[in-house]
C-alpha cells in the first residue's frame, strides 16, 4: 500500500511544520487583538421569576 510509505510524506510534514513554526507563527504573533479583554465585573444574577400559579 503506497500510503504507508513514509518516505515522501515525512519530509513534507517536517518542512510544513518548520515553515509554520519558524516563518508564519512569529508573523502572526505580532498582530494585536482588536478587542483586548477588559477587567469588567460580571453583572449580578437576576432574581428568579415568580410564577403566579406556584
N, C-alpha and C. Protein backbone atom coordinates (compact mmCIF):
# COMPACT_ATOMS: atom_id res chain seq x y z
N UNK A 1 0.84 -1.18 0.00
CA UNK A 1 0.00 0.00 0.00
C UNK A 1 0.89 1.24 0.00
N UNK A 2 0.76 2.10 -0.98
CA UNK A 2 1.69 3.24 -1.08
C UNK A 2 1.50 4.29 0.00
N UNK A 3 0.32 4.41 0.60
CA UNK A 3 0.13 5.44 1.60
C UNK A 3 0.88 5.12 2.90
N UNK A 4 1.36 3.90 3.06
CA UNK A 4 2.11 3.55 4.25
C UNK A 4 3.60 3.83 4.10
N UNK A 5 4.01 4.23 2.95
CA UNK A 5 5.42 4.55 2.72
C UNK A 5 5.67 5.98 3.23
N UNK A 6 6.42 6.15 4.33
CA UNK A 6 6.60 7.49 4.90
C UNK A 6 7.69 8.30 4.21
N UNK A 7 8.31 7.75 3.20
CA UNK A 7 9.45 8.42 2.60
C UNK A 7 9.12 9.82 2.07
N UNK A 8 8.17 10.03 1.19
CA UNK A 8 7.94 11.42 0.74
C UNK A 8 7.14 12.25 1.73
N UNK A 9 6.24 11.62 2.47
CA UNK A 9 5.31 12.38 3.30
C UNK A 9 5.94 12.88 4.59
N UNK A 10 6.90 12.17 5.09
CA UNK A 10 7.53 12.62 6.33
C UNK A 10 8.32 13.90 6.10
N UNK A 11 9.00 14.01 4.99
CA UNK A 11 9.75 15.23 4.67
C UNK A 11 8.81 16.40 4.42
N UNK A 12 7.69 16.13 3.79
CA UNK A 12 6.69 17.19 3.58
C UNK A 12 6.14 17.66 4.92
N UNK A 13 5.89 16.72 5.80
CA UNK A 13 5.39 17.07 7.13
C UNK A 13 6.41 17.92 7.88
N UNK A 14 7.66 17.53 7.85
CA UNK A 14 8.70 18.30 8.55
C UNK A 14 8.86 19.70 7.97
N UNK A 15 8.88 19.80 6.66
CA UNK A 15 9.03 21.11 6.04
C UNK A 15 7.85 22.02 6.33
N UNK A 16 6.67 21.45 6.32
CA UNK A 16 5.49 22.24 6.63
C UNK A 16 5.50 22.69 8.07
N UNK A 17 5.86 21.80 8.97
CA UNK A 17 5.88 22.15 10.39
C UNK A 17 6.94 23.22 10.69
N UNK A 18 8.12 23.06 10.12
CA UNK A 18 9.16 24.06 10.36
C UNK A 18 8.82 25.40 9.72
N UNK A 19 8.22 25.36 8.54
CA UNK A 19 7.86 26.64 7.92
C UNK A 19 6.78 27.34 8.72
N UNK A 20 5.86 26.58 9.29
CA UNK A 20 4.85 27.22 10.12
C UNK A 20 5.45 27.77 11.40
N UNK A 21 6.25 26.97 12.07
CA UNK A 21 6.76 27.38 13.38
C UNK A 21 7.85 28.45 13.29
N UNK A 22 8.59 28.51 12.22
CA UNK A 22 9.69 29.47 12.13
C UNK A 22 9.36 30.71 11.30
N UNK A 23 8.46 30.60 10.36
CA UNK A 23 8.18 31.74 9.49
C UNK A 23 6.80 32.35 9.73
N UNK A 24 5.80 31.53 9.77
CA UNK A 24 4.44 32.06 9.80
C UNK A 24 4.02 32.45 11.22
N UNK A 25 4.33 31.61 12.18
CA UNK A 25 3.87 31.87 13.54
C UNK A 25 4.43 33.18 14.13
N UNK A 26 5.70 33.50 13.99
CA UNK A 26 6.17 34.80 14.53
C UNK A 26 5.48 36.00 13.88
N UNK A 27 5.13 35.88 12.62
CA UNK A 27 4.43 36.99 11.96
C UNK A 27 3.02 37.12 12.51
N UNK A 28 2.38 36.00 12.82
CA UNK A 28 1.02 36.06 13.36
C UNK A 28 1.00 36.57 14.79
N UNK A 29 2.07 36.35 15.54
CA UNK A 29 2.09 36.78 16.93
C UNK A 29 2.28 38.29 17.07
N UNK A 30 2.68 38.97 16.00
CA UNK A 30 2.86 40.42 16.07
C UNK A 30 1.53 41.16 16.00
N UNK A 31 0.47 40.52 15.54
CA UNK A 31 -0.82 41.17 15.46
C UNK A 31 -1.40 41.35 16.86
N UNK A 32 -1.98 42.49 17.08
CA UNK A 32 -2.64 42.72 18.35
C UNK A 32 -4.14 42.49 18.17
N UNK A 33 -4.80 41.99 19.18
CA UNK A 33 -6.24 41.77 19.04
C UNK A 33 -6.98 43.11 18.95
N UNK A 34 -8.05 43.14 18.21
CA UNK A 34 -8.79 44.39 18.03
C UNK A 34 -9.60 44.74 19.27
N UNK A 35 -10.05 43.75 20.01
CA UNK A 35 -10.80 43.99 21.23
C UNK A 35 -10.07 43.32 22.38
N UNK A 36 -9.13 44.01 23.02
CA UNK A 36 -8.41 43.38 24.12
C UNK A 36 -9.36 43.12 25.29
N UNK A 37 -9.14 42.08 26.04
CA UNK A 37 -10.02 41.79 27.17
C UNK A 37 -9.90 42.87 28.24
N UNK A 38 -11.02 43.18 28.83
CA UNK A 38 -11.02 44.21 29.87
C UNK A 38 -11.37 43.56 31.20
N UNK A 39 -11.12 44.30 32.25
CA UNK A 39 -11.37 43.80 33.60
C UNK A 39 -12.76 44.22 34.08
N UNK A 40 -13.78 43.84 33.36
CA UNK A 40 -15.14 44.18 33.75
C UNK A 40 -15.64 43.19 34.79
N UNK A 41 -16.42 43.70 35.70
CA UNK A 41 -17.04 42.81 36.67
C UNK A 41 -18.28 42.19 36.06
N UNK A 42 -18.59 40.99 36.47
CA UNK A 42 -19.76 40.32 35.94
C UNK A 42 -21.02 40.93 36.54
N UNK A 43 -22.09 41.04 35.74
CA UNK A 43 -23.32 41.61 36.29
C UNK A 43 -23.92 40.67 37.33
N UNK A 44 -24.67 41.26 38.25
CA UNK A 44 -25.30 40.46 39.30
C UNK A 44 -26.36 39.55 38.69
N UNK A 45 -26.56 38.40 39.31
CA UNK A 45 -27.56 37.48 38.80
C UNK A 45 -28.96 38.06 39.00
N UNK A 46 -29.81 37.93 38.03
CA UNK A 46 -31.17 38.45 38.20
C UNK A 46 -31.96 37.58 39.18
N UNK A 47 -32.95 38.18 39.77
CA UNK A 47 -33.79 37.41 40.69
C UNK A 47 -34.64 36.43 39.90
N UNK A 48 -34.92 35.27 40.44
CA UNK A 48 -35.72 34.31 39.69
C UNK A 48 -37.15 34.79 39.49
N UNK A 49 -37.73 34.32 38.42
CA UNK A 49 -39.09 34.72 38.08
C UNK A 49 -40.07 34.07 39.06
N UNK A 50 -41.00 34.88 39.53
CA UNK A 50 -42.02 34.32 40.41
C UNK A 50 -43.24 33.98 39.57
N UNK A 51 -43.53 32.71 39.49
CA UNK A 51 -44.66 32.26 38.68
C UNK A 51 -45.95 32.45 39.47
N UNK A 52 -47.00 32.95 38.85
CA UNK A 52 -48.24 33.22 39.60
C UNK A 52 -48.98 31.95 40.00
N UNK A 53 -48.75 30.83 39.36
CA UNK A 53 -49.51 29.60 39.68
C UNK A 53 -48.79 28.69 40.65
N UNK A 54 -47.65 29.08 41.20
CA UNK A 54 -46.98 28.22 42.17
C UNK A 54 -47.15 28.74 43.56
